[in-house]
Protein backbone atom coordinates (compact mmCIF):
# COMPACT_ATOMS: atom_id res chain seq x y z
CA MET A 1 -6.07 -24.87 -15.25
CA VAL A 2 -5.23 -25.63 -11.41
CA THR A 3 -2.34 -27.39 -12.53
CA ILE A 4 -0.38 -24.41 -14.59
CA VAL A 5 -1.62 -21.94 -11.62
CA LEU A 6 -0.08 -24.63 -9.26
CA LEU A 7 3.48 -24.78 -11.55
CA LEU A 8 3.34 -21.29 -11.57
CA SER A 9 3.13 -20.76 -7.88
CA VAL A 10 5.82 -23.22 -7.11
CA ASN A 11 7.95 -20.65 -9.83
CA LEU A 12 7.08 -17.55 -8.56
CA LYS A 13 8.43 -18.76 -4.93
CA LEU A 14 11.76 -19.79 -6.53
CA ILE A 15 12.22 -16.59 -9.04
CA TYR A 16 11.56 -14.23 -5.62
CA ALA A 17 13.90 -16.95 -2.90
CA GLN A 18 16.78 -17.67 -5.66
CA LYS A 19 17.09 -14.09 -7.63
CA PRO A 20 15.67 -10.57 -5.67
CA SER A 21 15.47 -7.53 -7.75
CA VAL A 22 14.89 -5.45 -4.80
CA THR A 23 17.86 -5.10 -3.08
CA PRO A 24 18.09 -3.23 0.84
CA ASP A 25 20.26 -0.04 -0.77
CA ASN A 26 17.09 0.40 -2.91
CA LEU A 27 15.16 0.83 -0.52
CA LYS A 28 17.49 3.22 1.37
CA GLU A 29 17.82 5.55 -1.28
CA TRP A 30 14.05 5.78 -1.84
CA VAL A 31 13.35 5.81 2.26
CA SER A 32 15.84 7.88 2.92
CA PHE A 33 14.45 10.59 0.53
CA LEU A 34 10.89 10.14 0.63
CA ALA A 35 11.85 10.73 4.91
CA SER A 36 14.52 13.00 4.95
CA ASP A 37 14.70 16.22 6.76
CA GLN A 38 14.32 18.53 3.51
CA MET A 39 10.72 17.06 3.46
CA LEU A 40 9.70 18.46 6.19
CA GLY A 41 7.14 15.84 7.32
CA ARG A 42 5.10 15.49 3.66
CA ARG A 43 2.26 17.14 5.31
CA ASN A 44 -0.73 17.56 3.12
CA GLY A 45 -0.75 20.38 0.38
CA SER A 46 3.01 20.95 0.86
CA PRO A 47 5.34 21.47 -1.26
CA GLU A 48 7.47 18.72 -0.33
CA MET A 49 3.84 16.61 -0.70
CA GLU A 50 4.05 18.13 -3.94
CA LYS A 51 8.21 16.85 -4.98
CA ALA A 52 7.37 13.53 -3.35
CA ALA A 53 4.25 12.88 -5.48
CA THR A 54 6.42 14.17 -8.58
CA TRP A 55 9.67 11.73 -7.42
CA ILE A 56 6.96 8.60 -6.86
CA ALA A 57 5.58 9.31 -10.73
CA GLY A 58 8.81 9.37 -11.80
CA LYS A 59 9.92 6.19 -9.88
CA PHE A 60 6.44 4.07 -11.58
CA GLN A 61 7.62 5.32 -15.10
CA GLU A 62 10.68 4.25 -14.30
CA MET A 63 9.37 0.80 -13.42
CA GLY A 64 7.59 0.36 -16.58
CA LEU A 65 3.74 1.00 -15.19
CA LYS A 66 1.85 3.55 -17.30
CA PRO A 67 -0.26 5.87 -16.53
CA VAL A 68 -4.37 5.19 -16.31
CA ILE A 69 -6.18 5.43 -19.82
CA THR A 70 -8.97 7.70 -18.47
CA LEU A 71 -6.34 9.96 -17.05
CA SER A 72 -4.96 13.00 -19.26
CA SER A 73 -2.75 14.29 -15.84
CA GLY A 74 -0.26 11.66 -16.45
CA TYR A 75 0.76 9.76 -13.13
CA SER A 76 -1.22 11.99 -10.60
CA ILE A 77 -4.59 12.65 -10.08
CA ILE A 78 -4.92 16.44 -8.63
CA PHE A 79 -8.16 17.32 -6.24
CA THR A 80 -8.97 19.66 -3.78
CA ALA A 81 -9.13 19.07 -0.15
CA PRO A 82 -9.52 21.61 2.75
CA SER A 83 -5.96 22.15 4.80
CA VAL A 84 -6.23 20.33 8.20
CA ASP A 85 -3.68 21.70 10.97
CA PHE A 86 -2.74 18.51 13.60
CA ILE A 87 -3.02 20.11 16.75
CA SER A 88 -1.23 17.06 18.00
CA ASP A 89 0.77 13.06 16.68
CA TYR A 90 -2.92 11.79 16.45
CA THR A 91 -5.37 15.18 16.00
CA PHE A 92 -6.04 17.61 13.60
CA THR A 93 -8.20 20.13 13.07
CA SER A 94 -10.23 21.54 9.30
CA ARG A 95 -8.80 24.82 7.66
CA GLN A 96 -11.17 27.14 5.70
CA ASN A 97 -9.50 27.05 2.96
CA GLU A 98 -8.40 24.55 0.30
CA VAL A 99 -5.04 22.59 -0.61
CA ASN A 100 -3.97 20.94 -3.56
CA GLU A 101 -4.27 16.52 -2.50
CA ARG A 102 -2.20 14.44 -5.46
CA ASN A 103 -2.43 10.66 -5.92
CA VAL A 104 -0.03 8.96 -8.06
CA ILE A 105 -1.58 6.27 -9.71
CA GLY A 106 0.28 3.33 -12.00
CA LEU A 107 -0.71 0.75 -14.45
CA LEU A 108 0.37 -3.01 -15.83
CA GLU A 109 -1.73 -4.15 -17.79
CA GLY A 110 -2.93 -8.31 -17.52
CA SER A 111 -2.11 -10.59 -19.72
CA ASP A 112 -4.87 -13.10 -19.73
CA GLN A 113 -7.64 -12.81 -21.68
CA LEU A 114 -10.24 -13.65 -19.36
CA LEU A 115 -8.39 -12.18 -16.84
CA LYS A 116 -6.94 -8.16 -17.36
CA ASP A 117 -10.44 -6.38 -17.44
CA GLU A 118 -10.24 -7.12 -13.19
CA TYR A 119 -8.20 -4.99 -11.25
CA ILE A 120 -5.87 -5.83 -8.42
CA ILE A 121 -5.07 -2.80 -6.38
CA LEU A 122 -1.47 -2.41 -4.50
CA SER A 123 -1.99 0.77 -2.59
CA ALA A 124 0.39 2.98 0.04
CA HIS A 125 -0.34 6.45 1.62
CA PHE A 126 3.01 8.95 0.96
CA ASP A 127 1.86 12.31 3.27
CA HIS A 128 2.62 12.50 6.86
CA ILE A 129 1.93 15.27 9.23
CA GLY A 130 4.33 17.21 9.04
CA ILE A 131 6.68 19.39 11.93
CA LYS A 132 6.25 18.87 15.46
CA ARG A 133 4.35 22.56 16.98
CA GLY A 134 6.88 23.73 20.20
CA SER A 135 9.69 21.10 19.78
CA LYS A 136 12.65 22.86 20.13
CA THR A 137 14.89 19.98 19.23
CA ASP A 138 14.14 17.21 16.74
CA SER A 139 10.60 18.72 14.90
CA ILE A 140 10.46 17.42 12.11
CA TYR A 141 7.72 14.21 11.37
CA ASN A 142 9.89 11.59 8.99
CA GLY A 143 7.48 8.92 8.60
CA ALA A 144 9.85 6.46 7.50
CA ASP A 145 7.74 3.81 8.54
CA ASP A 146 4.42 5.52 8.42
CA ASN A 147 4.45 5.32 5.63
CA ALA A 148 8.06 5.87 3.27
CA ALA A 149 8.24 2.46 3.65
CA GLY A 150 5.50 1.57 2.00
CA THR A 151 5.72 3.71 -1.02
CA ALA A 152 8.43 2.15 -1.55
CA THR A 153 7.48 -1.19 -0.80
CA LEU A 154 4.97 -0.43 -3.93
CA ILE A 155 7.70 0.95 -5.88
CA GLY A 156 9.80 -2.14 -5.24
CA ILE A 157 6.94 -4.63 -6.57
CA ALA A 158 6.89 -2.85 -9.35
CA LYS A 159 10.81 -3.02 -9.67
CA ALA A 160 10.23 -6.61 -9.04
CA ILE A 161 7.92 -7.75 -11.82
CA LYS A 162 9.38 -5.78 -13.87
CA GLU A 163 12.74 -7.64 -13.84
CA SER A 164 11.53 -10.79 -13.82
CA GLY A 165 9.94 -11.11 -17.01
CA ILE A 166 6.74 -11.79 -15.84
CA LYS A 167 3.57 -10.98 -17.23
CA PRO A 168 0.70 -10.25 -14.32
CA GLY A 169 -2.69 -12.32 -15.75
CA ARG A 170 -4.80 -9.42 -14.13
CA SER A 171 -4.63 -6.06 -14.47
CA ILE A 172 -2.67 -4.06 -11.54
CA ILE A 173 -2.85 -1.21 -9.87
CA PHE A 174 -0.13 0.68 -8.48
CA ALA A 175 -1.83 3.94 -5.96
CA ALA A 176 0.42 6.21 -3.83
CA PHE A 177 -2.20 8.39 -2.21
CA SER A 178 -2.27 11.66 0.20
CA GLY A 179 -4.53 12.12 2.85
CA GLU A 180 -4.58 9.12 4.82
CA GLU A 181 -3.08 11.13 8.00
CA SER A 182 -6.61 13.14 7.59
CA GLY A 183 -8.49 11.07 6.86
CA MET A 184 -8.09 8.62 3.97
CA ARG A 185 -9.16 11.57 1.83
CA GLY A 186 -6.89 10.39 -1.05
CA SER A 187 -8.15 6.96 -1.28
CA ARG A 188 -11.68 7.89 -0.83
CA ASN A 189 -11.06 10.49 -3.58
CA PHE A 190 -9.95 8.04 -5.94
CA VAL A 191 -13.08 5.33 -4.88
CA ALA A 192 -14.86 8.16 -5.12
CA ASN A 193 -13.48 8.53 -8.83
CA PRO A 194 -12.18 5.25 -9.68
CA PRO A 195 -10.10 4.95 -13.36
CA VAL A 196 -11.92 1.88 -13.42
CA PRO A 197 -15.24 0.29 -12.52
CA VAL A 198 -15.40 -1.04 -8.87
CA ASN A 199 -16.68 -4.10 -9.31
CA ARG A 200 -14.10 -5.44 -12.30
CA ILE A 201 -11.50 -4.79 -8.74
CA TYR A 202 -10.51 -8.25 -7.53
CA ALA A 203 -9.13 -7.05 -4.19
CA ASP A 204 -7.01 -4.56 -2.72
CA LEU A 205 -3.23 -5.11 -1.36
CA ASN A 206 -1.98 -2.31 1.26
CA PHE A 207 0.93 -1.55 2.51
CA GLU A 208 2.01 0.04 6.15
CA MET A 209 5.05 0.88 8.16
CA THR A 210 6.78 -2.11 6.73
CA GLY A 211 10.15 -1.05 7.99
CA HIS A 212 10.88 -2.89 11.77
CA SER A 213 11.77 -6.76 12.73
CA GLU A 214 11.87 -6.17 15.86
CA TYR A 215 8.20 -6.49 16.69
CA LEU A 216 6.70 -9.80 14.76
CA GLY A 217 10.82 -11.33 13.55
CA LYS A 218 12.66 -11.86 10.41
CA ASN A 219 10.53 -12.86 7.46
CA ASN A 220 6.90 -12.11 9.44
CA PHE A 221 4.51 -9.88 8.83
CA TYR A 222 0.44 -9.36 9.85
CA MET A 223 -2.50 -7.83 7.75
CA THR A 224 -5.18 -6.39 8.55
CA GLY A 225 -9.27 -7.34 8.41
CA CYS A 226 -8.47 -11.64 8.67
CA ARG A 227 -11.71 -13.30 9.53
CA MET A 228 -13.29 -10.28 7.52
CA SER A 229 -12.65 -11.91 3.80
CA ASN A 230 -11.00 -14.69 2.46
CA LEU A 231 -7.96 -12.30 1.63
CA ASP A 232 -5.82 -13.98 4.71
CA ASP A 233 -6.86 -17.97 3.78
CA LEU A 234 -5.22 -17.27 0.11
CA VAL A 235 -1.77 -15.63 1.47
CA GLY A 236 -1.35 -18.37 3.73
CA GLU A 237 -1.61 -20.86 1.06
CA TYR A 238 0.85 -19.10 -1.04
CA ASN A 239 3.13 -19.18 1.94
CA LYS A 240 3.69 -22.87 1.80
CA GLY A 241 7.44 -23.69 1.64
CA THR A 242 8.14 -19.80 2.11
CA GLY A 243 9.83 -19.28 5.04
CA PHE A 244 7.22 -16.45 4.89
CA GLN A 245 4.61 -16.44 7.85
CA LEU A 246 1.38 -13.92 7.62
CA VAL A 247 1.08 -13.33 11.62
CA ASP A 248 -2.91 -13.60 12.31
CA THR A 249 -3.23 -13.43 16.11
CA ILE A 250 -2.34 -9.68 16.93
CA GLN A 251 -5.41 -8.81 18.50
CA MET A 252 -5.41 -5.02 17.67
CA ALA A 253 -5.22 -5.80 13.84
CA HIS A 254 -8.87 -5.71 13.97
CA MET A 255 -8.65 -2.65 14.88
CA LEU A 256 -6.67 -1.31 12.32
CA PHE A 257 -8.39 -2.28 9.76
CA GLY A 258 -10.73 0.54 9.60
CA SER A 259 -7.51 3.05 10.15
CA SER A 260 -5.54 2.93 6.45
CA ASP A 261 -6.58 3.36 3.31
CA ASN A 262 -8.02 -0.03 2.52
CA ILE A 263 -10.84 0.78 4.62
CA ALA A 264 -11.89 3.15 0.99
CA PHE A 265 -12.54 0.24 -0.72
CA SER A 266 -14.07 -1.91 1.41
CA ARG A 267 -16.72 0.42 3.03
CA ILE A 268 -17.56 2.29 -0.18
CA SER A 269 -21.24 2.52 1.45
CA VAL A 270 -23.93 1.00 4.04
CA LYS A 271 -27.15 0.83 3.65
CA ASP A 272 -28.90 -0.81 6.29
CA GLY A 273 -26.90 -2.16 8.45
CA ILE A 274 -24.74 -3.91 5.45
CA THR A 275 -21.63 -2.51 4.17
CA THR A 276 -20.88 -2.56 0.31
CA GLY A 277 -17.21 -2.83 -0.95
CA ILE A 278 -13.97 -4.72 -2.09
CA PRO A 279 -12.26 -7.41 0.37
CA SER A 280 -9.07 -5.83 1.45
CA GLY A 281 -6.18 -5.86 3.61
CA THR A 282 -2.97 -3.66 4.97
CA PHE A 283 0.40 -5.85 5.71
CA ALA A 284 2.22 -4.39 7.81
CA THR A 285 5.31 -5.24 9.95
CA THR A 286 4.61 -3.15 13.24
CA THR A 287 1.12 -2.22 15.27
CA MET A 288 1.26 1.36 17.06
CA GLY A 289 5.01 1.52 18.31
CA PRO A 290 6.84 3.73 20.31
CA HIS A 291 7.90 5.33 17.18
CA VAL A 292 4.22 6.16 15.48
CA HIS A 293 3.33 9.40 14.51
CA ASN A 294 6.40 10.27 17.00
CA VAL A 295 9.63 13.06 16.04
CA THR A 296 12.13 9.58 15.80
CA ASP A 297 10.32 8.16 13.30
CA GLU A 298 13.67 7.32 11.21
CA VAL A 299 15.33 5.85 8.71
CA GLY A 300 18.51 4.84 11.55
CA LEU A 301 15.59 1.98 12.88
CA PHE A 302 15.16 0.28 10.03
CA ASP A 303 16.03 -3.81 9.11
CA PHE A 304 16.51 -3.40 5.07
CA GLU A 305 17.41 -6.54 4.49
CA ASN A 306 14.42 -7.52 5.84
CA MET A 307 12.07 -5.38 4.42
CA ALA A 308 13.87 -5.71 0.86
CA ALA A 309 13.06 -9.86 1.66
CA LEU A 310 9.66 -9.10 2.58
CA ILE A 311 9.30 -6.73 -0.76
CA ASN A 312 10.43 -10.05 -3.19
CA HIS A 313 7.72 -12.30 -1.67
CA PHE A 314 5.34 -9.62 -2.21
CA SER A 315 6.07 -9.46 -5.48
CA GLY A 316 5.95 -13.52 -5.61
CA LEU A 317 2.53 -13.27 -3.92
CA VAL A 318 0.88 -10.47 -6.04
CA LEU A 319 1.95 -11.86 -9.54
CA TRP A 320 0.37 -14.99 -7.96
CA PHE A 321 -3.40 -13.46 -6.78
CA SER A 322 -2.76 -12.02 -10.59
CA ILE A 323 -3.65 -15.77 -11.98
CA ASN A 324 -5.75 -17.14 -9.05
CA LYS A 325 -8.82 -18.86 -10.17
CA ASN A 326 -9.83 -18.36 -6.54
CA GLU A 327 -12.12 -15.27 -5.87
CA VAL A 328 -11.51 -13.05 -2.77
CA GLU A 329 -14.51 -12.79 -0.90
CA TRP A 330 -15.85 -11.77 2.34
CA THR A 331 -17.04 -14.07 5.22
CA ASN A 332 -18.37 -11.18 7.28
CA PRO A 333 -21.59 -11.55 6.76
CA GLY A 334 -22.23 -7.49 6.98
CA PHE A 335 -20.01 -7.20 3.70
CA ILE A 336 -21.15 -7.37 0.42
CA LYS A 337 -19.15 -7.08 -3.03
CA PRO A 338 -20.12 -4.63 -5.66
CA LYS A 339 -22.27 -5.47 -8.52
């Protein structure tokens, strides 16, 4: 079996290097839709956020994903949460009235008889923070990199896997979350009401801010939570010989481990100083650059060629994880996996 995994790893690298399925034009179209001025910043509970959710569900269906079998509402999970009022770019307060939030969930069933009942979660949030108060010029927080980029990454991975014709071993759940900007509400709702047993989740790979290359350079990305688990070591193993690099020297990456939807999986519960959760990490190419939570977060700043190359690489990585016999384990002694 080890030999088979190694051979498939080599083949995946060749497939996605020689026949990339996701193009810069695909990504420009998708991100331009989600981050257009007409979407008014995709604020939680807004008609534009609902429109984005409907569009994502259509893309999931187009890429061959199925609704999760336990859901009766198609691809969308609708839940209520307090409305929020963004006081500044990073500060919000909850209101008394409630709004509908939407998570969009798609399933790619595994094909390995021994592994198909385990699940890899691929996640990204699609909400943003709406309109800037008091601005007399550009007032729309378009949220192109944060996080139309991560949402497009999910869709791109689904497209690349579909067009490769390769069936994953483990099942893969594609989860587009709302409510990240107001406390990871979508991902926390998913974990609190899981469509699959949490102890059958292999890992969560979360994608956020993947549109820029000027910070790390071409073909480079970082992952939050390096040294928390062996997830970064496994990613590094797949990267060998590909020309893609996981940059693990970014000081802020450790702090950002708790700042995106991955943390909802990794911190399910805390008791007696021990955290129970799923090993996870957020994959990104930007930390806290000048455009994050700024009205300047626009599509025109993207390096779509680099983004497409990364997504095609991530697609091979996800398939490799789906058949890898190595478990993703916590290396931080303060964390344990659910039983």
